[in-house]
Protein backbone atom coordinates (compact mmCIF):
# COMPACT_ATOMS: atom_id res chain seq x y z
CA MET A 1 152.44 24.85 154.29
CA THR A 2 155.66 26.71 153.67
CA LYS A 3 157.73 28.21 156.48
CA LYS A 4 156.89 31.72 155.27
CA ALA A 5 153.14 31.03 155.30
CA TRP A 6 153.40 29.44 158.75
CA LYS A 7 155.22 32.53 160.09
CA LYS A 8 152.31 34.70 158.87
CA VAL A 9 149.80 32.48 160.66
CA LYS A 10 151.80 32.53 163.90
CA THR A 11 152.19 36.34 163.68
CA LYS A 12 148.42 36.79 163.23
CA GLN A 13 147.75 34.46 166.18
CA ASN A 14 150.16 36.41 168.41
CA ILE A 15 148.49 39.71 167.46
CA PHE A 16 145.07 38.18 168.27
CA PHE A 17 146.22 37.02 171.72
CA LYS A 18 147.96 40.32 172.53
CA LYS A 19 144.87 42.38 171.59
CA ARG A 20 142.62 40.22 173.75
CA ARG A 21 145.21 39.82 176.54
CA ILE A 22 144.43 36.18 177.06
CA SER A 23 146.79 33.28 177.12
CA ARG A 24 146.78 30.37 174.71
CA THR A 25 145.83 28.08 177.60
CA ASP A 26 142.76 30.21 178.41
CA ILE A 27 141.63 30.28 174.79
CA LYS A 28 142.10 26.51 174.55
CA LYS A 29 139.96 26.00 177.67
CA SER A 30 137.27 28.28 176.25
CA LEU A 31 137.22 26.44 172.93
CA LEU A 32 136.88 23.09 174.72
CA THR A 33 133.98 24.27 176.91
CA PHE A 34 130.47 23.56 175.61
CA VAL A 35 127.48 25.05 177.47
CA VAL A 36 123.94 23.76 176.98
CA VAL A 37 121.19 25.91 178.49
CA GLY A 38 118.11 23.94 179.46
CA GLY A 39 117.77 20.61 181.23
CA GLY A 40 114.64 19.25 179.59
CA PHE A 41 114.54 16.32 177.17
CA SER A 42 116.03 18.36 174.30
CA GLY A 43 118.81 19.78 176.43
CA ILE A 44 119.81 16.46 177.98
CA GLU A 45 119.70 14.67 174.62
CA THR A 46 121.94 17.41 173.19
CA VAL A 47 124.31 17.12 176.15
CA GLY A 48 124.68 13.36 175.74
CA ALA A 49 125.24 13.52 171.99
CA LEU A 50 127.65 16.47 172.21
CA ASN A 51 129.65 14.90 175.03
CA ASP A 52 130.04 11.59 173.19
CA PHE A 53 130.83 13.24 169.86
CA VAL A 54 133.48 15.62 171.18
CA ARG A 55 135.23 13.09 173.43
CA GLU A 56 135.28 10.35 170.77
CA THR A 57 136.49 12.75 168.08
CA ILE A 58 139.31 14.01 170.27
CA ALA A 59 140.36 10.48 171.24
CA THR A 60 140.39 9.39 167.58
CA PHE A 61 141.71 12.39 165.65
CA TYR A 62 143.28 14.90 168.06
CA LYS A 63 145.88 13.02 170.09
CA ASN A 64 147.45 16.30 171.26
CA ILE A 65 144.28 17.32 173.15
CA ASP A 66 143.64 15.75 176.53
CA GLY A 67 140.03 14.59 176.97
CA LYS A 68 140.16 15.88 180.56
CA ASP A 69 140.26 19.44 179.17
CA VAL A 70 136.81 19.05 177.58
CA ARG A 71 133.94 20.54 179.57
CA VAL A 72 130.29 19.95 178.73
CA VAL A 73 128.20 22.08 181.07
CA PRO A 74 124.40 21.91 181.07
CA ILE A 75 122.68 24.72 182.99
CA GLU A 76 119.18 24.23 184.40
CA GLY A 77 117.12 26.73 186.39
CA GLU A 78 115.33 24.02 188.40
CA ASP A 79 116.79 21.68 191.03
CA LYS A 80 116.54 18.62 188.76
CA ILE A 81 116.82 17.73 185.10
CA MET A 82 114.11 16.37 182.82
CA ASN A 83 111.15 17.78 184.76
CA GLU A 84 108.85 16.22 182.15
CA ALA A 85 109.75 12.72 183.42
CA ASP A 86 109.60 11.22 186.88
CA SER A 87 112.39 12.15 189.28
CA GLU A 88 113.92 8.64 189.30
CA LEU A 89 114.68 8.83 185.58
CA GLY A 90 116.12 12.32 185.93
CA THR A 91 118.35 11.22 188.81
CA PHE A 92 119.51 8.15 186.87
CA VAL A 93 120.40 10.22 183.77
CA LEU A 94 122.16 12.86 185.88
CA LYS A 95 124.40 10.24 187.52
CA ARG A 96 125.17 8.52 184.20
CA LEU A 97 126.16 11.77 182.51
CA GLU A 98 128.28 12.85 185.48
CA GLU A 99 130.14 9.52 185.20
CA ARG A 100 130.89 10.46 181.59
CA GLY A 101 132.40 13.80 182.59
CA VAL A 102 129.45 16.19 182.28
CA GLU A 103 129.39 19.04 184.83
CA PHE A 104 125.86 20.06 185.81
CA ILE A 105 124.85 23.49 187.11
CA LEU A 106 121.37 23.34 188.65
CA ASN A 107 119.19 26.00 190.32
CA THR A 108 120.86 28.72 188.26
CA PHE A 109 119.61 30.91 185.44
CA VAL A 110 121.61 32.47 182.63
CA ASP A 111 121.88 36.24 182.87
CA SER A 112 123.61 36.93 179.54
CA ALA A 113 125.58 35.34 176.75
CA SER A 114 128.16 36.82 174.42
CA LYS A 115 130.52 35.53 171.76
CA ASP A 116 133.18 34.40 174.25
CA HIS A 117 131.42 33.75 177.57
CA ILE A 118 128.17 33.15 179.38
CA ARG A 119 127.24 34.91 182.62
CA LEU A 120 125.02 33.25 185.21
CA ALA A 121 122.56 35.06 187.48
CA SER A 122 124.83 34.13 190.40
CA GLY A 123 127.60 36.25 188.86
CA ILE A 124 129.76 33.35 187.67
CA THR A 125 131.21 33.74 184.18
CA ILE A 126 132.00 30.68 182.08
CA PRO A 127 134.39 31.35 179.19
CA THR A 128 133.10 29.49 176.12
CA TYR A 129 132.67 29.92 172.40
CA THR A 130 129.87 27.33 172.09
CA VAL A 131 126.43 27.82 173.64
CA VAL A 132 123.46 25.66 172.70
CA TRP A 133 120.17 27.12 173.91
CA THR A 134 117.37 24.59 174.46
CA GLY A 135 115.63 26.41 177.30
CA VAL A 136 112.38 28.31 177.19
């Protein structure tokens, strides 16, 4: 890319950030936050695959991104995950995924979702550009 073309890209990025009034750090955090709604089999399988894929891809191809900045956040309305299975399996899976960096939000329902955030019924807003809905 030529210097002139790169200047155009940087100018467009600066205009984008000024219009939205958000910092580059905030946008980076939002882009590295992945929310999965629903803690059943489909949701937990998605969480595991997404977490592994994103973290391995960053470690292999994106050396300038710290893996600690990645957030995979499953949201479940019940007090446990995988209600279809026995509670021991759900507890085991929860602990394993937490060891791998997954942040669980239990006993909370999603109130709304938009293109750049998700709002929980408790009033908490999670900035994200990726929402996977596996809930009912």
